[in-house]
C-alpha atoms as a PDB file:
ATOM      1  CA  MET A   1     -48.063 132.493 169.571  1.00  0.00           C
ATOM      2  CA  LYS A   2     -46.160 129.329 170.500  1.00  0.00           C
ATOM      3  CA  LYS A   3     -44.785 129.054 166.969  1.00  0.00           C
ATOM      4  CA  ILE A   4     -43.663 132.688 167.032  1.00  0.00           C
ATOM      5  CA  ILE A   5     -41.753 132.136 170.288  1.00  0.00           C
ATOM      6  CA  LEU A   6     -40.070 129.027 168.891  1.00  0.00           C
ATOM      7  CA  LEU A   7     -39.064 130.872 165.709  1.00  0.00           C
ATOM      8  CA  VAL A   8     -37.581 133.738 167.765  1.00  0.00           C
ATOM      9  CA  LEU A   9     -35.586 131.274 169.867  1.00  0.00           C
ATOM     10  CA  MET A  10     -34.329 129.447 166.777  1.00  0.00           C
ATOM     11  CA  ALA A  11     -33.266 132.735 165.169  1.00  0.00           C
ATOM     12  CA  PHE A  12     -31.406 133.709 168.346  1.00  0.00           C
ATOM     13  CA  ILE A  13     -29.502 130.414 168.469  1.00  0.00           C
ATOM     14  CA  LEU A  14     -28.647 130.531 164.764  1.00  0.00           C
ATOM     15  CA  CYS A  15     -27.326 134.069 165.162  1.00  0.00           C
ATOM     16  CA  THR A  16     -25.249 132.927 168.125  1.00  0.00           C
ATOM     17  CA  VAL A  17     -23.812 130.066 166.075  1.00  0.00           C
ATOM     18  CA  SER A  18     -22.887 132.361 163.187  1.00  0.00           C
ATOM     19  CA  THR A  19     -21.153 134.730 165.587  1.00  0.00           C
ATOM     20  CA  ALA A  20     -19.236 131.853 167.180  1.00  0.00           C
ATOM     21  CA  GLN A  21     -18.091 130.567 163.814  1.00  0.00           C
ATOM     22  CA  ALA A  22     -16.977 134.057 162.757  1.00  0.00           C
ATOM     23  CA  ALA A  23     -14.587 134.033 165.715  1.00  0.00           C
ATOM     24  CA  LEU A  24     -12.113 131.433 166.893  1.00  0.00           C
ATOM     25  CA  LEU A  25     -13.659 128.276 168.330  1.00  0.00           C
ATOM     26  CA  GLY A  26     -11.260 128.156 171.259  1.00  0.00           C
ATOM     27  CA  VAL A  27      -9.334 125.052 170.190  1.00  0.00           C
ATOM     28  CA  SER A  28      -5.960 126.598 171.063  1.00  0.00           C
ATOM     29  CA  GLY A  29      -4.929 125.602 174.573  1.00  0.00           C
ATOM     30  CA  LYS A  30      -7.124 122.488 174.510  1.00  0.00           C
ATOM     31  CA  LEU A  31      -4.895 120.336 172.289  1.00  0.00           C
ATOM     32  CA  LEU A  32      -3.867 117.058 173.904  1.00  0.00           C
ATOM     33  CA  LYS A  33      -1.249 114.503 172.784  1.00  0.00           C
ATOM     34  CA  PRO A  34      -0.062 113.276 170.390  1.00  0.00           C
ATOM     35  CA  ASP A  35       0.424 116.677 168.774  1.00  0.00           C
ATOM     36  CA  ILE A  36       1.265 116.908 165.060  1.00  0.00           C
ATOM     37  CA  ALA A  37       3.017 120.094 163.881  1.00  0.00           C
ATOM     38  CA  TRP A  38       2.490 121.268 160.301  1.00  0.00           C
ATOM     39  CA  THR A  39       3.366 123.985 157.773  1.00  0.00           C
ATOM     40  CA  ALA A  40       1.119 124.930 154.854  1.00  0.00           C
ATOM     41  CA  LYS A  41       0.028 127.438 152.217  1.00  0.00           C
ATOM     42  CA  LEU A  42      -3.520 128.807 152.360  1.00  0.00           C
ATOM     43  CA  THR A  43      -5.416 129.775 149.216  1.00  0.00           C
ATOM     44  CA  TYR A  44      -8.933 131.169 149.232  1.00  0.00           C
ATOM     45  CA  THR A  45     -10.993 131.472 146.037  1.00  0.00           C
ATOM     46  CA  PRO A  46     -14.462 133.102 145.997  1.00  0.00           C
ATOM     47  CA  PHE A  47     -16.942 131.719 143.464  1.00  0.00           C
ATOM     48  CA  GLN A  48     -19.842 133.412 141.742  1.00  0.00           C
ATOM     49  CA  GLY A  49     -22.738 133.105 144.145  1.00  0.00           C
ATOM     50  CA  PRO A  50     -22.616 132.865 147.948  1.00  0.00           C
ATOM     51  CA  TYR A  51     -19.694 130.459 148.477  1.00  0.00           C
ATOM     52  CA  GLY A  52     -15.921 130.267 148.316  1.00  0.00           C
ATOM     53  CA  SER A  53     -13.231 127.569 148.540  1.00  0.00           C
ATOM     54  CA  PHE A  54     -10.723 127.535 151.412  1.00  0.00           C
ATOM     55  CA  ASP A  55      -7.697 125.317 150.691  1.00  0.00           C
ATOM     56  CA  LEU A  56      -4.842 124.594 153.088  1.00  0.00           C
ATOM     57  CA  SER A  57      -2.081 122.496 151.525  1.00  0.00           C
ATOM     58  CA  GLY A  58       1.131 121.533 153.302  1.00  0.00           C
ATOM     59  CA  PHE A  59       3.110 118.895 155.145  1.00  0.00           C
ATOM     60  CA  ASP A  60       3.425 117.514 158.661  1.00  0.00           C
ATOM     61  CA  THR A  61       6.760 117.977 160.376  1.00  0.00           C
ATOM     62  CA  THR A  62       6.778 116.229 163.770  1.00  0.00           C
ATOM     63  CA  ILE A  63       4.562 114.247 166.120  1.00  0.00           C
ATOM     64  CA  THR A  64       5.005 114.787 169.879  1.00  0.00           C
ATOM     65  CA  TYR A  65       3.773 112.115 172.288  1.00  0.00           C
ATOM     66  CA  GLN A  66       2.454 112.276 175.841  1.00  0.00           C
ATOM     67  CA  ASN A  67       5.951 111.714 177.277  1.00  0.00           C
ATOM     68  CA  LEU A  68       7.212 114.564 175.031  1.00  0.00           C
ATOM     69  CA  ASP A  69       9.250 112.220 172.819  1.00  0.00           C
ATOM     70  CA  VAL A  70       9.248 113.362 169.188  1.00  0.00           C
ATOM     71  CA  ASP A  71       9.233 111.527 165.841  1.00  0.00           C
ATOM     72  CA  TYR A  72       9.501 113.051 162.368  1.00  0.00           C
ATOM     73  CA  LEU A  73       6.618 112.768 159.907  1.00  0.00           C
ATOM     74  CA  SER A  74       8.716 114.434 157.205  1.00  0.00           C
ATOM     75  CA  ALA A  75      12.458 113.877 156.914  1.00  0.00           C
ATOM     76  CA  PRO A  76      15.057 113.172 154.210  1.00  0.00           C
ATOM     77  CA  GLY A  77      13.601 110.340 152.114  1.00  0.00           C
ATOM     78  CA  TYR A  78       9.932 110.695 153.056  1.00  0.00           C
ATOM     79  CA  MET A  79       7.199 113.300 153.530  1.00  0.00           C
ATOM     80  CA  THR A  80       3.683 113.438 154.904  1.00  0.00           C
ATOM     81  CA  GLU A  81       1.393 115.748 152.916  1.00  0.00           C
ATOM     82  CA  PHE A  82      -1.992 117.033 154.059  1.00  0.00           C
ATOM     83  CA  GLN A  83      -4.910 118.898 152.529  1.00  0.00           C
ATOM     84  CA  VAL A  84      -7.750 120.798 154.166  1.00  0.00           C
ATOM     85  CA  THR A  85     -10.569 121.775 151.798  1.00  0.00           C
ATOM     86  CA  MET A  86     -13.647 123.703 152.889  1.00  0.00           C
ATOM     87  CA  MET A  87     -16.598 125.468 151.356  1.00  0.00           C
ATOM     88  CA  VAL A  88     -17.520 128.616 153.270  1.00  0.00           C
ATOM     89  CA  ASN A  89     -20.154 131.315 153.028  1.00  0.00           C
ATOM     90  CA  LYS A  90     -18.572 134.459 151.567  1.00  0.00           C
ATOM     91  CA  SER A  91     -20.712 136.799 153.649  1.00  0.00           C
ATOM     92  CA  ASP A  92     -19.537 135.646 157.085  1.00  0.00           C
ATOM     93  CA  GLY A  93     -17.138 132.694 156.662  1.00  0.00           C
ATOM     94  CA  THR A  94     -19.512 130.133 158.130  1.00  0.00           C
ATOM     95  CA  LEU A  95     -18.654 126.564 157.184  1.00  0.00           C
ATOM     96  CA  ILE A  96     -20.729 124.727 154.581  1.00  0.00           C
ATOM     97  CA  ASN A  97     -18.666 121.526 154.474  1.00  0.00           C
ATOM     98  CA  GLY A  98     -15.043 120.461 154.682  1.00  0.00           C
ATOM     99  CA  SER A  99     -12.542 117.631 154.913  1.00  0.00           C
ATOM    100  CA  MET A 100      -9.005 116.928 156.086  1.00  0.00           C
ATOM    101  CA  LYS A 101      -6.683 114.255 154.688  1.00  0.00           C
ATOM    102  CA  GLU A 102      -2.998 113.499 155.131  1.00  0.00           C
ATOM    103  CA  VAL A 103      -1.025 110.903 153.202  1.00  0.00           C
ATOM    104  CA  VAL A 104       2.525 109.633 152.813  1.00  0.00           C
ATOM    105  CA  LYS A 105       3.797 111.334 149.654  1.00  0.00           C
ATOM    106  CA  ALA A 106       4.283 109.171 146.563  1.00  0.00           C
ATOM    107  CA  GLY A 107       7.929 108.177 146.126  1.00  0.00           C
ATOM    108  CA  SER A 108       8.693 108.325 149.843  1.00  0.00           C
ATOM    109  CA  THR A 109      10.772 105.658 151.511  1.00  0.00           C
ATOM    110  CA  PRO A 110       8.718 103.478 153.897  1.00  0.00           C
ATOM    111  CA  PHE A 111       9.237 104.644 157.470  1.00  0.00           C
ATOM    112  CA  SER A 112       8.257 103.927 161.054  1.00  0.00           C
ATOM    113  CA  LEU A 113       7.889 106.036 164.192  1.00  0.00           C
ATOM    114  CA  PRO A 114      10.470 104.537 166.583  1.00  0.00           C
ATOM    115  CA  LYS A 115       9.459 106.543 169.656  1.00  0.00           C
ATOM    116  CA  SER A 116       5.740 105.800 169.303  1.00  0.00           C
ATOM    117  CA  SER A 117       3.701 103.145 171.087  1.00  0.00           C
ATOM    118  CA  ASN A 118       3.969 100.966 167.954  1.00  0.00           C
ATOM    119  CA  PRO A 119       7.551 101.386 166.681  1.00  0.00           C
ATOM    120  CA  GLY A 120       7.356  98.401 164.327  1.00  0.00           C
ATOM    121  CA  PHE A 121       4.426  99.720 162.279  1.00  0.00           C
ATOM    122  CA  VAL A 122       5.582 100.668 158.757  1.00  0.00           C
ATOM    123  CA  PHE A 123       4.023 103.502 156.775  1.00  0.00           C
ATOM    124  CA  ASN A 124       4.231 103.232 152.997  1.00  0.00           C
ATOM    125  CA  PRO A 125       3.847 105.710 150.115  1.00  0.00           C
ATOM    126  CA  GLY A 126       0.176 106.479 149.513  1.00  0.00           C
ATOM    127  CA  ASP A 127      -0.922 105.458 152.999  1.00  0.00           C
ATOM    128  CA  VAL A 128      -3.644 107.690 154.435  1.00  0.00           C
ATOM    129  CA  LEU A 129      -2.354 108.585 157.897  1.00  0.00           C
ATOM    130  CA  LEU A 130      -5.391 110.592 159.025  1.00  0.00           C
ATOM    131  CA  SER A 131      -8.616 111.759 157.438  1.00  0.00           C
ATOM    132  CA  GLY A 132     -11.890 113.196 158.668  1.00  0.00           C
ATOM    133  CA  ASN A 133     -14.731 115.663 158.171  1.00  0.00           C
ATOM    134  CA  ILE A 134     -14.430 119.270 159.307  1.00  0.00           C
ATOM    135  CA  TYR A 135     -17.596 120.232 161.174  1.00  0.00           C
ATOM    136  CA  ALA A 136     -16.633 123.594 162.704  1.00  0.00           C
ATOM    137  CA  PHE A 137     -14.379 126.460 161.628  1.00  0.00           C
ATOM    138  CA  GLY A 138     -13.268 129.667 163.309  1.00  0.00           C
ATOM    139  CA  PHE A 139     -11.078 132.563 162.235  1.00  0.00           C
ATOM    140  CA  ASN A 140      -9.755 135.930 163.324  1.00  0.00           C
ATOM    141  CA  LYS A 141      -7.330 138.588 162.147  1.00  0.00           C
ATOM    142  CA  SER A 142      -5.368 140.703 164.592  1.00  0.00           C
ATOM    143  CA  THR A 143      -2.671 143.360 164.463  1.00  0.00           C
ATOM    144  CA  ILE A 144       0.050 142.678 167.020  1.00  0.00           C
ATOM    145  CA  ASN A 145       2.960 145.107 167.401  1.00  0.00           C
ATOM    146  CA  GLY A 146       2.253 146.455 163.931  1.00  0.00           C
ATOM    147  CA  SER A 147       2.193 143.021 162.245  1.00  0.00           C
ATOM    148  CA  GLN A 148      -0.976 141.488 160.815  1.00  0.00           C
ATOM    149  CA  PHE A 149      -1.669 137.941 161.992  1.00  0.00           C
ATOM    150  CA  GLY A 150      -4.278 135.495 160.700  1.00  0.00           C
ATOM    151  CA  PHE A 151      -5.611 132.834 163.059  1.00  0.00           C
ATOM    152  CA  PHE A 152      -7.701 129.773 162.197  1.00  0.00           C
ATOM    153  CA  ASP A 153      -9.036 126.736 164.032  1.00  0.00           C
ATOM    154  CA  PHE A 154     -10.986 123.659 162.972  1.00  0.00           C
ATOM    155  CA  LEU A 155     -12.755 120.680 164.512  1.00  0.00           C
ATOM    156  CA  VAL A 156     -12.544 117.317 162.731  1.00  0.00           C
ATOM    157  CA  ASP A 157     -14.669 114.232 163.418  1.00  0.00           C
ATOM    158  CA  ASN A 158     -14.845 110.671 162.025  1.00  0.00           C
ATOM    159  CA  VAL A 159     -11.050 110.559 162.201  1.00  0.00           C
ATOM    160  CA  ALA A 160      -9.491 107.392 160.747  1.00  0.00           C
ATOM    161  CA  GLY A 161      -6.285 106.262 159.023  1.00  0.00           C
ATOM    162  CA  LYS A 162      -3.058 104.334 159.469  1.00  0.00           C
ATOM    163  CA  LEU A 163      -2.008 106.310 162.559  1.00  0.00           C
ATOM    164  CA  VAL A 164      -5.295 105.232 164.144  1.00  0.00           C
ATOM    165  CA  ASP A 165      -4.882 101.630 162.926  1.00  0.00           C
ATOM    166  CA  ALA A 166      -1.429 101.533 164.524  1.00  0.00           C
ATOM    167  CA  GLY A 167      -2.815 102.725 167.863  1.00  0.00           C
ATOM    168  CA  ILE A 168      -0.607 105.824 167.750  1.00  0.00           C
ATOM    169  CA  TYR A 169      -3.397 108.374 167.323  1.00  0.00           C
ATOM    170  CA  PRO A 170      -6.977 108.186 168.669  1.00  0.00           C
ATOM    171  CA  GLY A 171      -9.771 107.872 166.121  1.00  0.00           C
ATOM    172  CA  ALA A 172     -13.534 108.238 166.336  1.00  0.00           C
ATOM    173  CA  PRO A 173     -15.327 109.079 168.556  1.00  0.00           C
ATOM    174  CA  ILE A 174     -12.436 111.315 169.719  1.00  0.00           C
ATOM    175  CA  ASN A 175     -12.378 114.633 167.833  1.00  0.00           C
ATOM    176  CA  THR A 176      -9.301 116.277 166.384  1.00  0.00           C
ATOM    177  CA  GLY A 177      -8.616 119.995 166.699  1.00  0.00           C
ATOM    178  CA  MET A 178      -6.436 122.010 164.346  1.00  0.00           C
ATOM    179  CA  VAL A 179      -5.028 125.471 164.978  1.00  0.00           C
ATOM    180  CA  GLY A 180      -3.121 127.577 162.474  1.00  0.00           C
ATOM    181  CA  TRP A 181      -1.581 131.018 162.325  1.00  0.00           C
ATOM    182  CA  ALA A 182      -0.010 133.183 159.620  1.00  0.00           C
ATOM    183  CA  GLU A 183       2.483 135.765 160.809  1.00  0.00           C
ATOM    184  CA  ASN A 184       2.065 137.780 157.607  1.00  0.00           C
ATOM    185  CA  ALA A 185      -1.642 138.126 156.843  1.00  0.00           C
ATOM    186  CA  ALA A 186      -1.545 141.489 155.061  1.00  0.00           C
ATOM    187  CA  ALA A 187      -3.051 139.880 151.938  1.00  0.00           C
ATOM    188  CA  TRP A 188      -6.220 138.968 153.876  1.00  0.00           C
ATOM    189  CA  ASN A 189      -8.755 141.625 154.861  1.00  0.00           C
ATOM    190  CA  GLY A 190     -10.325 139.370 157.495  1.00  0.00           C
ATOM    191  CA  GLY A 191     -13.301 138.369 155.337  1.00  0.00           C
ATOM    192  CA  PHE A 192     -14.105 135.989 152.490  1.00  0.00           C
ATOM    193  CA  ASN A 193     -15.440 138.156 149.681  1.00  0.00           C
ATOM    194  CA  ASN A 194     -12.037 138.521 147.985  1.00  0.00           C
ATOM    195  CA  ALA A 195      -9.387 136.019 146.908  1.00  0.00           C
ATOM    196  CA  PHE A 196      -6.210 135.838 148.994  1.00  0.00           C
ATOM    197  CA  THR A 197      -3.147 133.677 149.566  1.00  0.00           C
ATOM    198  CA  LEU A 198      -1.141 133.255 152.759  1.00  0.00           C
ATOM    199  CA  ASN A 199       2.130 131.610 151.801  1.00  0.00           C
ATOM    200  CA  VAL A 200       3.218 130.464 155.246  1.00  0.00           C
ATOM    201  CA  VAL A 201       0.721 129.129 157.774  1.00  0.00           C
ATOM    202  CA  LYS A 202       1.957 127.029 160.687  1.00  0.00           C
ATOM    203  CA  GLY A 203       0.003 125.052 163.212  1.00  0.00           C
ATOM    204  CA  ASP A 204      -0.795 121.919 165.179  1.00  0.00           C
ATOM    205  CA  LYS A 205      -3.409 119.193 165.168  1.00  0.00           C
ATOM    206  CA  ALA A 206      -4.186 116.906 168.073  1.00  0.00           C
ATOM    207  CA  PRO A 207      -7.009 115.177 169.955  1.00  0.00           C
ATOM    208  CA  VAL A 208      -9.181 117.786 171.637  1.00  0.00           C
ATOM    209  CA  PRO A 209     -12.286 118.047 173.843  1.00  0.00           C
ATOM    210  CA  ILE A 210     -15.208 119.716 172.060  1.00  0.00           C
ATOM    211  CA  PRO A 211     -14.892 123.490 172.750  1.00  0.00           C
ATOM    212  CA  ALA A 212     -17.535 125.370 174.710  1.00  0.00           C
ATOM    213  CA  PRO A 213     -19.199 127.125 171.705  1.00  0.00           C
ATOM    214  CA  ILE A 214     -20.002 123.741 170.140  1.00  0.00           C
ATOM    215  CA  LEU A 215     -21.297 122.408 173.476  1.00  0.00           C
ATOM    216  CA  LEU A 216     -23.391 125.570 173.798  1.00  0.00           C
ATOM    217  CA  LEU A 217     -24.881 124.947 170.366  1.00  0.00           C
ATOM    218  CA  GLY A 218     -25.769 121.380 171.316  1.00  0.00           C
ATOM    219  CA  ALA A 219     -27.341 122.518 174.573  1.00  0.00           C
ATOM    220  CA  GLY A 220     -29.305 125.202 172.754  1.00  0.00           C
ATOM    221  CA  LEU A 221     -30.690 122.792 170.185  1.00  0.00           C
ATOM    222  CA  MET A 222     -31.622 120.295 172.898  1.00  0.00           C
ATOM    223  CA  GLY A 223     -33.344 123.125 174.721  1.00  0.00           C
ATOM    224  CA  LEU A 224     -35.378 123.901 171.621  1.00  0.00           C
ATOM    225  CA  VAL A 225     -36.477 120.282 171.430  1.00  0.00           C
ATOM    226  CA  GLY A 226     -37.579 120.419 175.065  1.00  0.00           C
ATOM    227  CA  LEU A 227     -39.432 123.701 174.564  1.00  0.00           C
ATOM    228  CA  ARG A 228     -41.209 122.352 171.515  1.00  0.00           C
ATOM    229  CA  LYS A 229     -42.413 119.330 173.490  1.00  0.00           C
ATOM    230  CA  ARG A 230     -43.704 121.623 176.250  1.00  0.00           C
ATOM    231  CA  PHE A 231     -45.473 123.914 173.793  1.00  0.00           C
ATOM    232  CA  ASN A 232     -47.077 120.944 172.057  1.00  0.00           C
ATOM    233  CA  LYS A 233     -48.601 119.642 175.278  1.00  0.00           C
END
């Protein structure tokens, strides 16, 4: 009987997690500073079997600091490229694994960020500015005033890179949140069974507190541990 109760509780929590991941995580509105703005193209490719590949490829535009000063991460002579790659479950879009990486594009002129806390730090072609593992993913599609919008958010941990080394951007254990939106999402039906491309996705990434759904998951799992100990007594 005890095992049956535990299995029911585990099933309930897993269902809750899947539902949370099939909706936005709530990262928007929780982004702190510095805030990095970006523009990208999203391509989704379903594979044979249960999984598909979600690829977001683009470039960073600006970085905004706590005092609202702004530096350019892409400008004439240099560019910062980034790539988000994820494996998701085709049936409900739940995340299997994923990563984020941004680098100074090959052939760029070395540059610095004069309004940052470390204006003398030089970034060179090939430098990895930020990288990390994506551990949570949310999505939603909405029709607003007749236009179809796609919304996405991500949580990234183990963040490291030259921006962290320079003391300009916080690294681990601080998490990074990413939010993105496509103003023309007609090519996407809101699911992940079919291939689609969204040519223009814009967004931000910044340090972020862990959103409530992730905290809820952690609390639920800890609760299961506690219940198991009680049942085993």
